[in-house]
N, C-alpha and C. Protein backbone atom coordinates (compact mmCIF):
# COMPACT_ATOMS: atom_id res chain seq x y z
N UNK A 1 45.25 91.02 -47.02
CA UNK A 1 44.91 92.42 -46.85
C UNK A 1 43.43 92.59 -47.19
N UNK A 2 42.74 93.35 -46.42
CA UNK A 2 41.33 93.65 -46.68
C UNK A 2 41.12 95.15 -46.60
N UNK A 3 40.27 95.67 -47.46
CA UNK A 3 39.89 97.08 -47.42
C UNK A 3 38.38 97.16 -47.50
N UNK A 4 37.83 98.23 -46.98
CA UNK A 4 36.39 98.46 -47.11
C UNK A 4 36.13 99.18 -48.42
N UNK A 5 35.09 98.80 -49.10
CA UNK A 5 34.75 99.44 -50.37
C UNK A 5 33.27 99.78 -50.34
N UNK A 6 32.91 100.77 -51.12
CA UNK A 6 31.52 101.19 -51.21
C UNK A 6 31.00 100.83 -52.60
N UNK A 7 29.80 100.29 -52.66
CA UNK A 7 29.16 100.01 -53.94
C UNK A 7 28.63 101.34 -54.46
N UNK A 8 29.06 101.68 -55.69
CA UNK A 8 28.72 102.99 -56.27
C UNK A 8 27.82 102.80 -57.48
N UNK A 9 27.08 103.85 -57.80
CA UNK A 9 26.19 103.85 -58.96
C UNK A 9 27.01 104.19 -60.20
N UNK A 10 26.85 103.35 -61.26
CA UNK A 10 27.50 103.60 -62.54
C UNK A 10 26.40 103.46 -63.58
N UNK A 11 25.72 104.55 -63.90
CA UNK A 11 24.57 104.50 -64.80
C UNK A 11 23.48 103.64 -64.19
N UNK A 12 22.98 102.65 -64.93
CA UNK A 12 21.97 101.74 -64.40
C UNK A 12 22.58 100.57 -63.65
N UNK A 13 23.89 100.54 -63.51
CA UNK A 13 24.60 99.46 -62.84
C UNK A 13 25.11 99.92 -61.49
N UNK A 14 25.66 99.00 -60.75
CA UNK A 14 26.38 99.30 -59.52
C UNK A 14 27.77 98.71 -59.69
N UNK A 15 28.74 99.32 -59.06
CA UNK A 15 30.11 98.83 -59.23
C UNK A 15 30.96 99.07 -58.00
N UNK A 16 32.15 98.55 -58.08
CA UNK A 16 33.14 98.71 -57.02
C UNK A 16 34.41 99.28 -57.63
N UNK A 17 35.07 100.11 -56.89
CA UNK A 17 36.41 100.56 -57.29
C UNK A 17 37.37 99.57 -56.63
N UNK A 18 38.09 98.83 -57.47
CA UNK A 18 38.99 97.80 -56.97
C UNK A 18 40.42 98.33 -57.06
N UNK A 19 41.13 98.35 -55.95
CA UNK A 19 42.51 98.84 -55.99
C UNK A 19 43.36 98.02 -56.98
N UNK A 20 44.22 98.72 -57.71
CA UNK A 20 45.07 98.09 -58.71
C UNK A 20 45.91 96.97 -58.10
N UNK A 21 46.40 97.17 -56.91
CA UNK A 21 47.24 96.17 -56.26
C UNK A 21 46.46 94.86 -56.06
N UNK A 22 45.16 94.92 -55.80
CA UNK A 22 44.34 93.72 -55.66
C UNK A 22 44.24 92.98 -56.99
N UNK A 23 44.01 93.74 -58.08
CA UNK A 23 43.91 93.12 -59.40
C UNK A 23 45.22 92.44 -59.79
N UNK A 24 46.33 93.11 -59.50
CA UNK A 24 47.63 92.54 -59.81
C UNK A 24 47.91 91.30 -58.97
N UNK A 25 47.62 91.36 -57.69
CA UNK A 25 47.88 90.23 -56.80
C UNK A 25 47.04 89.01 -57.19
N UNK A 26 45.82 89.24 -57.67
CA UNK A 26 44.92 88.15 -58.08
C UNK A 26 45.12 87.75 -59.54
N UNK A 27 46.01 88.44 -60.26
CA UNK A 27 46.26 88.19 -61.69
C UNK A 27 44.97 88.26 -62.50
N UNK A 28 44.15 89.27 -62.24
CA UNK A 28 42.89 89.45 -62.97
C UNK A 28 43.10 90.39 -64.14
N UNK A 29 42.43 90.08 -65.25
CA UNK A 29 42.50 90.93 -66.44
C UNK A 29 41.18 91.68 -66.57
N UNK A 30 40.88 92.17 -67.77
CA UNK A 30 39.66 92.94 -67.99
C UNK A 30 38.40 92.09 -67.97
N UNK A 31 38.52 90.78 -68.18
CA UNK A 31 37.35 89.90 -68.17
C UNK A 31 37.44 88.98 -66.96
N UNK A 32 36.36 88.94 -66.19
CA UNK A 32 36.30 88.09 -65.01
C UNK A 32 34.95 87.38 -64.95
N UNK A 33 34.89 86.33 -64.18
CA UNK A 33 33.64 85.61 -63.94
C UNK A 33 33.14 86.00 -62.56
N UNK A 34 31.84 86.29 -62.47
CA UNK A 34 31.23 86.65 -61.20
C UNK A 34 30.29 85.54 -60.75
N UNK A 35 30.31 85.25 -59.47
CA UNK A 35 29.38 84.27 -58.89
C UNK A 35 28.76 84.92 -57.65
N UNK A 36 27.44 84.85 -57.56
CA UNK A 36 26.72 85.43 -56.43
C UNK A 36 26.20 84.31 -55.53
N UNK A 37 26.43 84.46 -54.25
CA UNK A 37 25.88 83.58 -53.22
C UNK A 37 25.32 84.50 -52.13
N UNK A 38 24.43 83.99 -51.31
CA UNK A 38 23.89 84.86 -50.26
C UNK A 38 25.02 85.50 -49.43
N UNK A 39 25.07 86.83 -49.46
CA UNK A 39 26.06 87.57 -48.68
C UNK A 39 27.46 87.58 -49.26
N UNK A 40 27.61 87.11 -50.50
CA UNK A 40 28.96 87.03 -51.04
C UNK A 40 28.97 87.14 -52.57
N UNK A 41 29.92 87.90 -53.10
CA UNK A 41 30.23 87.93 -54.54
C UNK A 41 31.64 87.38 -54.69
N UNK A 42 31.83 86.50 -55.65
CA UNK A 42 33.15 85.95 -55.91
C UNK A 42 33.56 86.37 -57.32
N UNK A 43 34.75 86.93 -57.43
CA UNK A 43 35.31 87.35 -58.70
C UNK A 43 36.47 86.40 -59.02
N UNK A 44 36.42 85.78 -60.20
CA UNK A 44 37.46 84.82 -60.58
C UNK A 44 37.99 85.14 -61.97
N UNK A 45 39.22 84.76 -62.22
CA UNK A 45 39.82 84.92 -63.54
C UNK A 45 39.10 84.01 -64.53
N UNK A 46 38.99 84.47 -65.76
CA UNK A 46 38.40 83.67 -66.83
C UNK A 46 39.56 83.00 -67.56
N UNK A 47 39.51 81.68 -67.60
CA UNK A 47 40.53 80.94 -68.34
C UNK A 47 40.03 80.68 -69.75
N UNK A 48 40.94 80.81 -70.69
CA UNK A 48 40.59 80.52 -72.07
C UNK A 48 40.40 79.01 -72.23
N UNK A 49 39.47 78.61 -73.11
CA UNK A 49 39.36 77.18 -73.38
C UNK A 49 40.70 76.65 -73.88
N UNK A 50 41.06 75.49 -73.42
CA UNK A 50 42.30 74.83 -73.81
C UNK A 50 43.54 75.56 -73.31
N UNK A 51 43.37 76.46 -72.37
CA UNK A 51 44.51 77.16 -71.81
C UNK A 51 45.45 76.16 -71.14
N UNK A 52 46.71 76.23 -71.47
CA UNK A 52 47.71 75.36 -70.87
C UNK A 52 47.89 74.02 -71.57
N UNK A 53 47.08 73.75 -72.60
CA UNK A 53 47.17 72.46 -73.29
C UNK A 53 48.51 72.28 -73.99
N UNK A 54 49.06 73.33 -74.57
CA UNK A 54 50.33 73.22 -75.28
C UNK A 54 51.43 72.77 -74.34
N UNK A 55 51.53 73.43 -73.21
CA UNK A 55 52.56 73.07 -72.23
C UNK A 55 52.32 71.67 -71.66
N UNK A 56 51.07 71.31 -71.41
CA UNK A 56 50.76 69.97 -70.89
C UNK A 56 51.16 68.90 -71.91
N UNK A 57 50.90 69.15 -73.20
CA UNK A 57 51.28 68.19 -74.23
C UNK A 57 52.79 68.07 -74.32
N UNK A 58 53.48 69.19 -74.21
CA UNK A 58 54.95 69.17 -74.24
C UNK A 58 55.50 68.36 -73.07
N UNK A 59 54.95 68.58 -71.88
CA UNK A 59 55.40 67.84 -70.70
C UNK A 59 55.11 66.35 -70.84
N UNK A 60 53.95 66.00 -71.39
CA UNK A 60 53.60 64.59 -71.59
C UNK A 60 54.58 63.95 -72.57
N UNK A 61 54.95 64.67 -73.62
CA UNK A 61 55.89 64.13 -74.60
C UNK A 61 57.26 63.88 -73.97
N UNK A 62 57.73 64.86 -73.20
CA UNK A 62 59.03 64.72 -72.54
C UNK A 62 59.01 63.53 -71.59
N UNK A 63 57.89 63.32 -70.90
CA UNK A 63 57.76 62.21 -69.95
C UNK A 63 57.48 60.88 -70.66
N UNK A 64 57.31 60.91 -71.99
CA UNK A 64 57.02 59.69 -72.73
C UNK A 64 55.59 59.21 -72.53
N UNK A 65 54.72 60.11 -72.16
CA UNK A 65 53.33 59.74 -71.87
C UNK A 65 52.38 60.35 -72.90
N UNK A 66 52.78 60.34 -74.16
CA UNK A 66 51.93 60.93 -75.19
C UNK A 66 51.50 59.88 -76.23
N UNK A 67 51.34 58.66 -75.79
CA UNK A 67 50.91 57.59 -76.68
C UNK A 67 49.39 57.55 -76.72
N UNK A 68 48.84 56.88 -77.74
CA UNK A 68 47.40 56.70 -77.85
C UNK A 68 46.90 55.78 -76.74
N UNK A 69 45.77 56.12 -76.16
CA UNK A 69 45.19 55.29 -75.12
C UNK A 69 44.51 54.07 -75.74
N UNK A 70 43.78 54.28 -76.82
CA UNK A 70 43.09 53.20 -77.52
C UNK A 70 43.85 52.87 -78.79
N UNK A 71 43.86 51.60 -79.18
CA UNK A 71 44.53 51.25 -80.43
C UNK A 71 43.78 51.84 -81.62
N UNK A 72 44.49 52.17 -82.70
CA UNK A 72 43.81 52.69 -83.90
C UNK A 72 42.86 51.64 -84.46
N UNK A 73 41.75 52.07 -84.98
CA UNK A 73 40.79 51.13 -85.56
C UNK A 73 40.32 51.63 -86.91
N UNK A 74 40.09 50.72 -87.83
CA UNK A 74 39.61 51.06 -89.16
C UNK A 74 38.10 51.30 -89.12
N UNK A 75 37.64 52.19 -89.98
CA UNK A 75 36.21 52.43 -90.12
C UNK A 75 35.82 52.16 -91.58
N UNK A 76 34.53 52.13 -91.85
CA UNK A 76 34.08 51.95 -93.23
C UNK A 76 34.62 53.07 -94.12
N UNK A 77 34.70 54.27 -93.58
CA UNK A 77 35.24 55.41 -94.35
C UNK A 77 36.67 55.12 -94.77
N UNK A 78 37.49 54.62 -93.83
CA UNK A 78 38.88 54.32 -94.15
C UNK A 78 38.99 53.30 -95.27
N UNK A 79 38.12 52.33 -95.26
CA UNK A 79 38.22 51.23 -96.23
C UNK A 79 37.63 51.59 -97.59
N UNK A 80 36.60 52.42 -97.64
CA UNK A 80 35.94 52.65 -98.92
C UNK A 80 36.11 54.06 -99.49
N UNK A 81 36.18 55.08 -98.67
CA UNK A 81 36.15 56.45 -99.17
C UNK A 81 37.49 57.17 -99.13
N UNK A 82 38.39 56.78 -98.26
CA UNK A 82 39.65 57.51 -98.10
C UNK A 82 40.59 57.18 -99.25
N UNK A 83 41.16 58.24 -99.83
CA UNK A 83 42.13 58.06 -100.92
C UNK A 83 43.29 59.02 -100.69
N UNK A 84 44.49 58.55 -101.04
CA UNK A 84 45.68 59.39 -100.96
C UNK A 84 45.78 60.24 -102.18
């Protein structure tokens, strides 16, 4: 679906009135990322850092793929400074 929109003045800024149905369909919240290219503005959802990591770790565990990639190694700290 496409609609025509007018860029409006909002104080010293310019803005668009975005229909609620568009925001819902795109799953956009109050914070978005904007990218400008010649003749185009792109609005994208902002993902939180580490978003989805909990579920990915859970899925890896269930699949048995949550082992260490590198073997554990001792460091000077482990041998001289670490105490229980």
